[in-house]
Amino acid sequence: VIMTHGGVIMSLLSRYGLPSLPATSWMTPNGCGYALHINAHLWSIMRK
């Protein structure tokens, strides 16, 4: 778990996330967030 802030979540998802969407698509209510899967191979070649 990474407990952080709305702006941080928006920026990380728009930078690394698939599907690829602008930061404003990832506005997050308080106490909420997103589950991510990071495949070590995909991360190593694409940073996604």
ModelCIF file with pLDDT and N, C-alpha, C, O atoms, coordinates in Angstrom:
data_MODEL
#
_entry.id   MODEL 
#
_entity.id                         1 
_entity.type                       polymer 
_entity.pdbx_number_of_molecules   1 
#
_entity_poly.entity_id                      1 
_entity_poly.type                           'polypeptide(L)' 
_entity_poly.nstd_linkage                   no 
_entity_poly.nstd_monomer                   no 
_entity_poly.pdbx_seq_one_letter_code       VIMTHGGVIMSLLSRYGLPSLPATSWMTPNGCGYALHINAHLWSIMRK 
_entity_poly.pdbx_seq_one_letter_code_can   VIMTHGGVIMSLLSRYGLPSLPATSWMTPNGCGYALHINAHLWSIMRK 
_entity_poly.pdbx_strand_id                 A 
#
loop_
_entity_poly_seq.entity_id 
_entity_poly_seq.num 
_entity_poly_seq.mon_id 
_entity_poly_seq.hetero 
1 1  VAL n 
1 2  ILE n 
1 3  MET n 
1 4  THR n 
1 5  HIS n 
1 6  GLY n 
1 7  GLY n 
1 8  VAL n 
1 9  ILE n 
1 10 MET n 
1 11 SER n 
1 12 LEU n 
1 13 LEU n 
1 14 SER n 
1 15 ARG n 
1 16 TYR n 
1 17 GLY n 
1 18 LEU n 
1 19 PRO n 
1 20 SER n 
1 21 LEU n 
1 22 PRO n 
1 23 ALA n 
1 24 THR n 
1 25 SER n 
1 26 TRP n 
1 27 MET n 
1 28 THR n 
1 29 PRO n 
1 30 ASN n 
1 31 GLY n 
1 32 CYS n 
1 33 GLY n 
1 34 TYR n 
1 35 ALA n 
1 36 LEU n 
1 37 HIS n 
1 38 ILE n 
1 39 ASN n 
1 40 ALA n 
1 41 HIS n 
1 42 LEU n 
1 43 TRP n 
1 44 SER n 
1 45 ILE n 
1 46 MET n 
1 47 ARG n 
1 48 LYS n 
#
_struct_asym.id          A 
_struct_asym.entity_id   1 
#
loop_
_ma_qa_metric.id 
_ma_qa_metric.mode 
_ma_qa_metric.name 
_ma_qa_metric.software_group_id 
_ma_qa_metric.type 
1 global pLDDT . pLDDT 
2 local  pLDDT . pLDDT 
#
_ma_qa_metric_global.metric_id      1 
_ma_qa_metric_global.metric_value   96.77 
_ma_qa_metric_global.model_id       1 
_ma_qa_metric_global.ordinal_id     1 
#
loop_
_ma_qa_metric_local.label_asym_id 
_ma_qa_metric_local.label_comp_id 
_ma_qa_metric_local.label_seq_id 
_ma_qa_metric_local.metric_id 
_ma_qa_metric_local.metric_value 
_ma_qa_metric_local.model_id 
_ma_qa_metric_local.ordinal_id 
A VAL 1  2 98.00 1 1  
A ILE 2  2 98.00 1 2  
A MET 3  2 98.00 1 3  
A THR 4  2 98.00 1 4  
A HIS 5  2 98.00 1 5  
A GLY 6  2 98.00 1 6  
A GLY 7  2 97.00 1 7  
A VAL 8  2 98.00 1 8  
A ILE 9  2 98.00 1 9  
A MET 10 2 97.00 1 10 
A SER 11 2 97.00 1 11 
A LEU 12 2 98.00 1 12 
A LEU 13 2 98.00 1 13 
A SER 14 2 97.00 1 14 
A ARG 15 2 97.00 1 15 
A TYR 16 2 98.00 1 16 
A GLY 17 2 98.00 1 17 
A LEU 18 2 97.00 1 18 
A PRO 19 2 97.00 1 19 
A SER 20 2 96.00 1 20 
A LEU 21 2 97.00 1 21 
A PRO 22 2 95.00 1 22 
A ALA 23 2 94.00 1 23 
A THR 24 2 93.00 1 24 
A SER 25 2 96.00 1 25 
A TRP 26 2 97.00 1 26 
A MET 27 2 96.00 1 27 
A THR 28 2 97.00 1 28 
A PRO 29 2 97.00 1 29 
A ASN 30 2 98.00 1 30 
A GLY 31 2 98.00 1 31 
A CYS 32 2 98.00 1 32 
A GLY 33 2 98.00 1 33 
A TYR 34 2 98.00 1 34 
A ALA 35 2 98.00 1 35 
A LEU 36 2 98.00 1 36 
A HIS 37 2 98.00 1 37 
A ILE 38 2 98.00 1 38 
A ASN 39 2 96.00 1 39 
A ALA 40 2 94.00 1 40 
A HIS 41 2 93.00 1 41 
A LEU 42 2 92.00 1 42 
A TRP 43 2 96.00 1 43 
A SER 44 2 94.00 1 44 
A ILE 45 2 95.00 1 45 
A MET 46 2 96.00 1 46 
A ARG 47 2 97.00 1 47 
A LYS 48 2 97.00 1 48 
#
loop_
_atom_site.group_PDB 
_atom_site.id 
_atom_site.type_symbol 
_atom_site.label_atom_id 
_atom_site.label_alt_id 
_atom_site.label_comp_id 
_atom_site.label_asym_id 
_atom_site.label_entity_id 
_atom_site.label_seq_id 
_atom_site.pdbx_PDB_ins_code 
_atom_site.Cartn_x 
_atom_site.Cartn_y 
_atom_site.Cartn_z 
_atom_site.occupancy 
_atom_site.B_iso_or_equiv 
_atom_site.pdbx_formal_charge 
_atom_site.auth_seq_id 
_atom_site.auth_comp_id 
_atom_site.auth_asym_id 
_atom_site.auth_atom_id 
_atom_site.pdbx_PDB_model_num 
ATOM 1   N N  . VAL A 1 1  ? 0.849   -1.192 0.000   1.00 98.00 ? 1  VAL A N  1 
ATOM 2   C CA . VAL A 1 1  ? 0.000   0.000  0.000   1.00 98.00 ? 1  VAL A CA 1 
ATOM 3   C C  . VAL A 1 1  ? 0.884   1.242  0.000   1.00 98.00 ? 1  VAL A C  1 
ATOM 4   O O  . VAL A 1 1  ? 1.872   1.308  0.732   1.00 98.00 ? 1  VAL A O  1 
ATOM 5   N N  . ILE A 1 2  ? 0.527   2.226  -0.824  1.00 98.00 ? 2  ILE A N  1 
ATOM 6   C CA . ILE A 1 2  ? 1.165   3.542  -0.771  1.00 98.00 ? 2  ILE A CA 1 
ATOM 7   C C  . ILE A 1 2  ? 0.073   4.545  -0.396  1.00 98.00 ? 2  ILE A C  1 
ATOM 8   O O  . ILE A 1 2  ? -0.835  4.809  -1.183  1.00 98.00 ? 2  ILE A O  1 
ATOM 9   N N  . MET A 1 3  ? 0.172   5.104  0.821   1.00 98.00 ? 3  MET A N  1 
ATOM 10  C CA . MET A 1 3  ? -0.780  6.105  1.294   1.00 98.00 ? 3  MET A CA 1 
ATOM 11  C C  . MET A 1 3  ? -0.241  7.486  0.951   1.00 98.00 ? 3  MET A C  1 
ATOM 12  O O  . MET A 1 3  ? 0.820   7.883  1.433   1.00 98.00 ? 3  MET A O  1 
ATOM 13  N N  . THR A 1 4  ? -0.968  8.211  0.122   1.00 98.00 ? 4  THR A N  1 
ATOM 14  C CA . THR A 1 4  ? -0.422  9.454  -0.396  1.00 98.00 ? 4  THR A CA 1 
ATOM 15  C C  . THR A 1 4  ? -1.534  10.477 -0.630  1.00 98.00 ? 4  THR A C  1 
ATOM 16  O O  . THR A 1 4  ? -2.499  10.519 0.133   1.00 98.00 ? 4  THR A O  1 
ATOM 17  N N  . HIS A 1 5  ? -1.415  11.292 -1.662  1.00 98.00 ? 5  HIS A N  1 
ATOM 18  C CA . HIS A 1 5  ? -2.274  12.451 -1.878  1.00 98.00 ? 5  HIS A CA 1 
ATOM 19  C C  . HIS A 1 5  ? -2.877  12.419 -3.285  1.00 98.00 ? 5  HIS A C  1 
ATOM 20  O O  . HIS A 1 5  ? -2.386  11.727 -4.176  1.00 98.00 ? 5  HIS A O  1 
ATOM 21  N N  . GLY A 1 6  ? -3.952  13.186 -3.456  1.00 98.00 ? 6  GLY A N  1 
ATOM 22  C CA . GLY A 1 6  ? -4.660  13.177 -4.730  1.00 98.00 ? 6  GLY A CA 1 
ATOM 23  C C  . GLY A 1 6  ? -3.796  13.559 -5.911  1.00 98.00 ? 6  GLY A C  1 
ATOM 24  O O  . GLY A 1 6  ? -3.848  12.904 -6.952  1.00 98.00 ? 6  GLY A O  1 
ATOM 25  N N  . GLY A 1 7  ? -2.997  14.613 -5.768  1.00 97.00 ? 7  GLY A N  1 
ATOM 26  C CA . GLY A 1 7  ? -2.143  15.049 -6.866  1.00 97.00 ? 7  GLY A CA 1 
ATOM 27  C C  . GLY A 1 7  ? -1.082  14.034 -7.229  1.00 97.00 ? 7  GLY A C  1 
ATOM 28  O O  . GLY A 1 7  ? -0.729  13.879 -8.399  1.00 97.00 ? 7  GLY A O  1 
ATOM 29  N N  . VAL A 1 8  ? -0.570  13.339 -6.216  1.00 98.00 ? 8  VAL A N  1 
ATOM 30  C CA . VAL A 1 8  ? 0.443   12.300 -6.462  1.00 98.00 ? 8  VAL A CA 1 
ATOM 31  C C  . VAL A 1 8  ? -0.169  11.154 -7.262  1.00 98.00 ? 8  VAL A C  1 
ATOM 32  O O  . VAL A 1 8  ? 0.425   10.679 -8.230  1.00 98.00 ? 8  VAL A O  1 
ATOM 33  N N  . ILE A 1 9  ? -1.354  10.714 -6.856  1.00 98.00 ? 9  ILE A N  1 
ATOM 34  C CA . ILE A 1 9  ? -2.019  9.613  -7.553  1.00 98.00 ? 9  ILE A CA 1 
ATOM 35  C C  . ILE A 1 9  ? -2.313  9.987  -9.003  1.00 98.00 ? 9  ILE A C  1 
ATOM 36  O O  . ILE A 1 9  ? -2.048  9.203  -9.914  1.00 98.00 ? 9  ILE A O  1 
ATOM 37  N N  . MET A 1 10 ? -2.852  11.171 -9.217  1.00 97.00 ? 10 MET A N  1 
ATOM 38  C CA . MET A 1 10 ? -3.154  11.617 -10.579 1.00 97.00 ? 10 MET A CA 1 
ATOM 39  C C  . MET A 1 10 ? -1.908  11.627 -11.450 1.00 97.00 ? 10 MET A C  1 
ATOM 40  O O  . MET A 1 10 ? -1.940  11.181 -12.597 1.00 97.00 ? 10 MET A O  1 
ATOM 41  N N  . SER A 1 11 ? -0.822  12.131 -10.908 1.00 97.00 ? 11 SER A N  1 
ATOM 42  C CA . SER A 1 11 ? 0.417   12.236 -11.688 1.00 97.00 ? 11 SER A CA 1 
ATOM 43  C C  . SER A 1 11 ? 1.014   10.876 -11.999 1.00 97.00 ? 11 SER A C  1 
ATOM 44  O O  . SER A 1 11 ? 1.460   10.638 -13.121 1.00 97.00 ? 11 SER A O  1 
ATOM 45  N N  . LEU A 1 12 ? 1.028   9.977  -11.016 1.00 98.00 ? 12 LEU A N  1 
ATOM 46  C CA . LEU A 1 12 ? 1.600   8.649  -11.245 1.00 98.00 ? 12 LEU A CA 1 
ATOM 47  C C  . LEU A 1 12 ? 0.788   7.856  -12.263 1.00 98.00 ? 12 LEU A C  1 
ATOM 48  O O  . LEU A 1 12 ? 1.361   7.202  -13.135 1.00 98.00 ? 12 LEU A O  1 
ATOM 49  N N  . LEU A 1 13 ? -0.536  7.904  -12.163 1.00 98.00 ? 13 LEU A N  1 
ATOM 50  C CA . LEU A 1 13 ? -1.361  7.136  -13.093 1.00 98.00 ? 13 LEU A CA 1 
ATOM 51  C C  . LEU A 1 13 ? -1.264  7.677  -14.513 1.00 98.00 ? 13 LEU A C  1 
ATOM 52  O O  . LEU A 1 13 ? -1.255  6.905  -15.471 1.00 98.00 ? 13 LEU A O  1 
ATOM 53  N N  . SER A 1 14 ? -1.190  9.003  -14.657 1.00 97.00 ? 14 SER A N  1 
ATOM 54  C CA . SER A 1 14 ? -1.079  9.568  -16.005 1.00 97.00 ? 14 SER A CA 1 
ATOM 55  C C  . SER A 1 14 ? 0.304   9.313  -16.607 1.00 97.00 ? 14 SER A C  1 
ATOM 56  O O  . SER A 1 14 ? 0.444   9.244  -17.828 1.00 97.00 ? 14 SER A O  1 
ATOM 57  N N  . ARG A 1 15 ? 1.312   9.174  -15.768 1.00 97.00 ? 15 ARG A N  1 
ATOM 58  C CA . ARG A 1 15 ? 2.685   8.950  -16.261 1.00 97.00 ? 15 ARG A CA 1 
ATOM 59  C C  . ARG A 1 15 ? 2.947   7.485  -16.602 1.00 97.00 ? 15 ARG A C  1 
ATOM 60  O O  . ARG A 1 15 ? 3.537   7.187  -17.641 1.00 97.00 ? 15 ARG A O  1 
ATOM 61  N N  . TYR A 1 16 ? 2.514   6.571  -15.736 1.00 98.00 ? 16 TYR A N  1 
ATOM 62  C CA . TYR A 1 16 ? 2.893   5.162  -15.888 1.00 98.00 ? 16 TYR A CA 1 
ATOM 63  C C  . TYR A 1 16 ? 1.731   4.222  -16.223 1.00 98.00 ? 16 TYR A C  1 
ATOM 64  O O  . TYR A 1 16 ? 1.959   3.073  -16.602 1.00 98.00 ? 16 TYR A O  1 
ATOM 65  N N  . GLY A 1 17 ? 0.510   4.689  -16.088 1.00 98.00 ? 17 GLY A N  1 
ATOM 66  C CA . GLY A 1 17 ? -0.626  3.784  -16.112 1.00 98.00 ? 17 GLY A CA 1 
ATOM 67  C C  . GLY A 1 17 ? -1.092  3.327  -17.480 1.00 98.00 ? 17 GLY A C  1 
ATOM 68  O O  . GLY A 1 17 ? -0.999  4.059  -18.466 1.00 98.00 ? 17 GLY A O  1 
ATOM 69  N N  . LEU A 1 18 ? -1.591  2.112  -17.521 1.00 97.00 ? 18 LEU A N  1 
ATOM 70  C CA . LEU A 1 18 ? -2.317  1.549  -18.661 1.00 97.00 ? 18 LEU A CA 1 
ATOM 71  C C  . LEU A 1 18 ? -3.692  1.137  -18.157 1.00 97.00 ? 18 LEU A C  1 
ATOM 72  O O  . LEU A 1 18 ? -3.771  0.286  -17.271 1.00 97.00 ? 18 LEU A O  1 
ATOM 73  N N  . PRO A 1 19 ? -4.779  1.698  -18.678 1.00 97.00 ? 19 PRO A N  1 
ATOM 74  C CA . PRO A 1 19 ? -4.840  2.560  -19.873 1.00 97.00 ? 19 PRO A CA 1 
ATOM 75  C C  . PRO A 1 19 ? -4.217  3.923  -19.638 1.00 97.00 ? 19 PRO A C  1 
ATOM 76  O O  . PRO A 1 19 ? -4.175  4.435  -18.519 1.00 97.00 ? 19 PRO A O  1 
ATOM 77  N N  . SER A 1 20 ? -3.730  4.495  -20.740 1.00 96.00 ? 20 SER A N  1 
ATOM 78  C CA . SER A 1 20 ? -3.060  5.794  -20.696 1.00 96.00 ? 20 SER A CA 1 
ATOM 79  C C  . SER A 1 20 ? -4.098  6.907  -20.852 1.00 96.00 ? 20 SER A C  1 
ATOM 80  O O  . SER A 1 20 ? -4.706  7.059  -21.912 1.00 96.00 ? 20 SER A O  1 
ATOM 81  N N  . LEU A 1 21 ? -4.294  7.690  -19.769 1.00 97.00 ? 21 LEU A N  1 
ATOM 82  C CA . LEU A 1 21 ? -5.278  8.764  -19.762 1.00 97.00 ? 21 LEU A CA 1 
ATOM 83  C C  . LEU A 1 21 ? -4.682  9.995  -19.092 1.00 97.00 ? 21 LEU A C  1 
ATOM 84  O O  . LEU A 1 21 ? -3.733  9.871  -18.317 1.00 97.00 ? 21 LEU A O  1 
ATOM 85  N N  . PRO A 1 22 ? -5.220  11.188 -19.374 1.00 95.00 ? 22 PRO A N  1 
ATOM 86  C CA . PRO A 1 22 ? -4.691  12.401 -18.738 1.00 95.00 ? 22 PRO A CA 1 
ATOM 87  C C  . PRO A 1 22 ? -4.929  12.400 -17.232 1.00 95.00 ? 22 PRO A C  1 
ATOM 88  O O  . PRO A 1 22 ? -5.794  11.683 -16.729 1.00 95.00 ? 22 PRO A O  1 
ATOM 89  N N  . ALA A 1 23 ? -4.153  13.210 -16.521 1.00 94.00 ? 23 ALA A N  1 
ATOM 90  C CA . ALA A 1 23 ? -4.205  13.235 -15.061 1.00 94.00 ? 23 ALA A CA 1 
ATOM 91  C C  . ALA A 1 23 ? -5.605  13.521 -14.535 1.00 94.00 ? 23 ALA A C  1 
ATOM 92  O O  . ALA A 1 23 ? -6.008  12.967 -13.513 1.00 94.00 ? 23 ALA A O  1 
ATOM 93  N N  . THR A 1 24 ? -6.343  14.377 -15.220 1.00 93.00 ? 24 THR A N  1 
ATOM 94  C CA . THR A 1 24 ? -7.676  14.748 -14.745 1.00 93.00 ? 24 THR A CA 1 
ATOM 95  C C  . THR A 1 24 ? -8.658  13.576 -14.756 1.00 93.00 ? 24 THR A C  1 
ATOM 96  O O  . THR A 1 24 ? -9.719  13.648 -14.136 1.00 93.00 ? 24 THR A O  1 
ATOM 97  N N  . SER A 1 25 ? -8.307  12.499 -15.458 1.00 96.00 ? 25 SER A N  1 
ATOM 98  C CA . SER A 1 25 ? -9.165  11.312 -15.471 1.00 96.00 ? 25 SER A CA 1 
ATOM 99  C C  . SER A 1 25 ? -9.052  10.508 -14.182 1.00 96.00 ? 25 SER A C  1 
ATOM 100 O O  . SER A 1 25 ? -9.862  9.618  -13.923 1.00 96.00 ? 25 SER A O  1 
ATOM 101 N N  . TRP A 1 26 ? -8.042  10.827 -13.375 1.00 97.00 ? 26 TRP A N  1 
ATOM 102 C CA . TRP A 1 26 ? -7.746  10.014 -12.195 1.00 97.00 ? 26 TRP A CA 1 
ATOM 103 C C  . TRP A 1 26 ? -7.967  10.778 -10.894 1.00 97.00 ? 26 TRP A C  1 
ATOM 104 O O  . TRP A 1 26 ? -7.307  10.498 -9.894  1.00 97.00 ? 26 TRP A O  1 
ATOM 105 N N  . MET A 1 27 ? -8.885  11.737 -10.897 1.00 96.00 ? 27 MET A N  1 
ATOM 106 C CA . MET A 1 27 ? -9.212  12.435 -9.658  1.00 96.00 ? 27 MET A CA 1 
ATOM 107 C C  . MET A 1 27 ? -9.805  11.438 -8.666  1.00 96.00 ? 27 MET A C  1 
ATOM 108 O O  . MET A 1 27 ? -10.668 10.638 -9.025  1.00 96.00 ? 27 MET A O  1 
ATOM 109 N N  . THR A 1 28 ? -9.340  11.487 -7.418  1.00 97.00 ? 28 THR A N  1 
ATOM 110 C CA . THR A 1 28 ? -9.620  10.433 -6.448  1.00 97.00 ? 28 THR A CA 1 
ATOM 111 C C  . THR A 1 28 ? -10.251 11.000 -5.175  1.00 97.00 ? 28 THR A C  1 
ATOM 112 O O  . THR A 1 28 ? -9.664  11.888 -4.557  1.00 97.00 ? 28 THR A O  1 
ATOM 113 N N  . PRO A 1 29 ? -11.416 10.522 -4.767  1.00 97.00 ? 29 PRO A N  1 
ATOM 114 C CA . PRO A 1 29 ? -12.011 10.978 -3.499  1.00 97.00 ? 29 PRO A CA 1 
ATOM 115 C C  . PRO A 1 29 ? -11.148 10.577 -2.305  1.00 97.00 ? 29 PRO A C  1 
ATOM 116 O O  . PRO A 1 29 ? -10.325 9.666  -2.399  1.00 97.00 ? 29 PRO A O  1 
ATOM 117 N N  . ASN A 1 30 ? -11.345 11.261 -1.190  1.00 98.00 ? 30 ASN A N  1 
ATOM 118 C CA . ASN A 1 30 ? -10.611 10.922 0.029   1.00 98.00 ? 30 ASN A CA 1 
ATOM 119 C C  . ASN A 1 30 ? -10.934 9.494  0.472   1.00 98.00 ? 30 ASN A C  1 
ATOM 120 O O  . ASN A 1 30 ? -12.088 9.068  0.452   1.00 98.00 ? 30 ASN A O  1 
ATOM 121 N N  . GLY A 1 31 ? -9.893  8.771  0.871   1.00 98.00 ? 31 GLY A N  1 
ATOM 122 C CA . GLY A 1 31 ? -10.051 7.394  1.327   1.00 98.00 ? 31 GLY A CA 1 
ATOM 123 C C  . GLY A 1 31 ? -10.140 6.372  0.220   1.00 98.00 ? 31 GLY A C  1 
ATOM 124 O O  . GLY A 1 31 ? -10.298 5.181  0.484   1.00 98.00 ? 31 GLY A O  1 
ATOM 125 N N  . CYS A 1 32 ? -10.038 6.823  -1.017  1.00 98.00 ? 32 CYS A N  1 
ATOM 126 C CA . CYS A 1 32 ? -10.167 5.924  -2.169  1.00 98.00 ? 32 CYS A CA 1 
ATOM 127 C C  . CYS A 1 32 ? -8.855  5.846  -2.948  1.00 98.00 ? 32 CYS A C  1 
ATOM 128 O O  . CYS A 1 32 ? -7.891  6.537  -2.616  1.00 98.00 ? 32 CYS A O  1 
ATOM 129 N N  . GLY A 1 33 ? -8.820  5.017  -3.969  1.00 98.00 ? 33 GLY A N  1 
ATOM 130 C CA . GLY A 1 33 ? -7.609  4.891  -4.758  1.00 98.00 ? 33 GLY A CA 1 
ATOM 131 C C  . GLY A 1 33 ? -7.743  3.848  -5.847  1.00 98.00 ? 33 GLY A C  1 
ATOM 132 O O  . GLY A 1 33 ? -8.840  3.572  -6.334  1.00 98.00 ? 33 GLY A O  1 
ATOM 133 N N  . TYR A 1 34 ? -6.604  3.269  -6.225  1.00 98.00 ? 34 TYR A N  1 
ATOM 134 C CA . TYR A 1 34 ? -6.568  2.331  -7.346  1.00 98.00 ? 34 TYR A CA 1 
ATOM 135 C C  . TYR A 1 34 ? -5.629  1.159  -7.045  1.00 98.00 ? 34 TYR A C  1 
ATOM 136 O O  . TYR A 1 34 ? -4.610  1.310  -6.371  1.00 98.00 ? 34 TYR A O  1 
ATOM 137 N N  . ALA A 1 35 ? -6.004  -0.006 -7.563  1.00 98.00 ? 35 ALA A N  1 
ATOM 138 C CA . ALA A 1 35 ? -5.155  -1.191 -7.506  1.00 98.00 ? 35 ALA A CA 1 
ATOM 139 C C  . ALA A 1 35 ? -4.353  -1.289 -8.799  1.00 98.00 ? 35 ALA A C  1 
ATOM 140 O O  . ALA A 1 35 ? -4.898  -1.130 -9.892  1.00 98.00 ? 35 ALA A O  1 
ATOM 141 N N  . LEU A 1 36 ? -3.065  -1.549 -8.665  1.00 98.00 ? 36 LEU A N  1 
ATOM 142 C CA . LEU A 1 36 ? -2.165  -1.641 -9.811  1.00 98.00 ? 36 LEU A CA 1 
ATOM 143 C C  . LEU A 1 36 ? -1.507  -3.016 -9.840  1.00 98.00 ? 36 LEU A C  1 
ATOM 144 O O  . LEU A 1 36 ? -1.220  -3.602 -8.797  1.00 98.00 ? 36 LEU A O  1 
ATOM 145 N N  . HIS A 1 37 ? -1.273  -3.519 -11.047 1.00 98.00 ? 37 HIS A N  1 
ATOM 146 C CA . HIS A 1 37 ? -0.447  -4.702 -11.224 1.00 98.00 ? 37 HIS A CA 1 
ATOM 147 C C  . HIS A 1 37 ? 0.812   -4.291 -11.978 1.00 98.00 ? 37 HIS A C  1 
ATOM 148 O O  . HIS A 1 37 ? 0.740   -3.685 -13.048 1.00 98.00 ? 37 HIS A O  1 
ATOM 149 N N  . ILE A 1 38 ? 1.954   -4.625 -11.411 1.00 98.00 ? 38 ILE A N  1 
ATOM 150 C CA . ILE A 1 38 ? 3.222   -4.308 -12.061 1.00 98.00 ? 38 ILE A CA 1 
ATOM 151 C C  . ILE A 1 38 ? 3.918   -5.613 -12.426 1.00 98.00 ? 38 ILE A C  1 
ATOM 152 O O  . ILE A 1 38 ? 4.366   -6.355 -11.551 1.00 98.00 ? 38 ILE A O  1 
ATOM 153 N N  . ASN A 1 39 ? 4.004   -5.882 -13.705 1.00 96.00 ? 39 ASN A N  1 
ATOM 154 C CA . ASN A 1 39 ? 4.749   -7.022 -14.210 1.00 96.00 ? 39 ASN A CA 1 
ATOM 155 C C  . ASN A 1 39 ? 6.206   -6.613 -14.348 1.00 96.00 ? 39 ASN A C  1 
ATOM 156 O O  . ASN A 1 39 ? 6.520   -5.623 -15.008 1.00 96.00 ? 39 ASN A O  1 
ATOM 157 N N  . ALA A 1 40 ? 7.085   -7.368 -13.731 1.00 94.00 ? 40 ALA A N  1 
ATOM 158 C CA . ALA A 1 40 ? 8.500   -6.975 -13.673 1.00 94.00 ? 40 ALA A CA 1 
ATOM 159 C C  . ALA A 1 40 ? 9.098   -6.800 -15.069 1.00 94.00 ? 40 ALA A C  1 
ATOM 160 O O  . ALA A 1 40 ? 9.910   -5.900 -15.283 1.00 94.00 ? 40 ALA A O  1 
ATOM 161 N N  . HIS A 1 41 ? 8.705   -7.650 -16.017 1.00 93.00 ? 41 HIS A N  1 
ATOM 162 C CA . HIS A 1 41 ? 9.256   -7.545 -17.375 1.00 93.00 ? 41 HIS A CA 1 
ATOM 163 C C  . HIS A 1 41 ? 8.738   -6.294 -18.075 1.00 93.00 ? 41 HIS A C  1 
ATOM 164 O O  . HIS A 1 41 ? 9.514   -5.543 -18.665 1.00 93.00 ? 41 HIS A O  1 
ATOM 165 N N  . LEU A 1 42 ? 7.432   -6.073 -18.011 1.00 92.00 ? 42 LEU A N  1 
ATOM 166 C CA . LEU A 1 42 ? 6.854   -4.877 -18.642 1.00 92.00 ? 42 LEU A CA 1 
ATOM 167 C C  . LEU A 1 42 ? 7.442   -3.617 -18.043 1.00 92.00 ? 42 LEU A C  1 
ATOM 168 O O  . LEU A 1 42 ? 7.745   -2.666 -18.764 1.00 92.00 ? 42 LEU A O  1 
ATOM 169 N N  . TRP A 1 43 ? 7.608   -3.602 -16.726 1.00 96.00 ? 43 TRP A N  1 
ATOM 170 C CA . TRP A 1 43 ? 8.179   -2.427 -16.069 1.00 96.00 ? 43 TRP A CA 1 
ATOM 171 C C  . TRP A 1 43 ? 9.610   -2.176 -16.543 1.00 96.00 ? 43 TRP A C  1 
ATOM 172 O O  . TRP A 1 43 ? 10.009  -1.031 -16.754 1.00 96.00 ? 43 TRP A O  1 
ATOM 173 N N  . SER A 1 44 ? 10.370  -3.243 -16.707 1.00 94.00 ? 44 SER A N  1 
ATOM 174 C CA . SER A 1 44 ? 11.779  -3.093 -17.077 1.00 94.00 ? 44 SER A CA 1 
ATOM 175 C C  . SER A 1 44 ? 11.954  -2.537 -18.486 1.00 94.00 ? 44 SER A C  1 
ATOM 176 O O  . SER A 1 44 ? 12.932  -1.840 -18.757 1.00 94.00 ? 44 SER A O  1 
ATOM 177 N N  . ILE A 1 45 ? 11.016  -2.836 -19.389 1.00 95.00 ? 45 ILE A N  1 
ATOM 178 C CA . ILE A 1 45 ? 11.191  -2.380 -20.774 1.00 95.00 ? 45 ILE A CA 1 
ATOM 179 C C  . ILE A 1 45 ? 10.379  -1.131 -21.116 1.00 95.00 ? 45 ILE A C  1 
ATOM 180 O O  . ILE A 1 45 ? 10.734  -0.395 -22.037 1.00 95.00 ? 45 ILE A O  1 
ATOM 181 N N  . MET A 1 46 ? 9.269   -0.884 -20.366 1.00 96.00 ? 46 MET A N  1 
ATOM 182 C CA . MET A 1 46 ? 8.378   0.215  -20.740 1.00 96.00 ? 46 MET A CA 1 
ATOM 183 C C  . MET A 1 46 ? 8.106   1.216  -19.616 1.00 96.00 ? 46 MET A C  1 
ATOM 184 O O  . MET A 1 46 ? 7.572   2.297  -19.864 1.00 96.00 ? 46 MET A O  1 
ATOM 185 N N  . ARG A 1 47 ? 8.471   0.859  -18.379 1.00 97.00 ? 47 ARG A N  1 
ATOM 186 C CA . ARG A 1 47 ? 8.093   1.684  -17.219 1.00 97.00 ? 47 ARG A CA 1 
ATOM 187 C C  . ARG A 1 47 ? 6.575   1.938  -17.228 1.00 97.00 ? 47 ARG A C  1 
ATOM 188 O O  . ARG A 1 47 ? 6.127   3.083  -17.162 1.00 97.00 ? 47 ARG A O  1 
ATOM 189 N N  . LYS A 1 48 ? 5.799   0.853  -17.311 1.00 97.00 ? 48 LYS A N  1 
ATOM 190 C CA . LYS A 1 48 ? 4.347   0.949  -17.306 1.00 97.00 ? 48 LYS A CA 1 
ATOM 191 C C  . LYS A 1 48 ? 3.773   -0.087 -16.334 1.00 97.00 ? 48 LYS A C  1 
ATOM 192 O O  . LYS A 1 48 ? 2.555   -0.177 -16.176 1.00 97.00 ? 48 LYS A O  1 
#
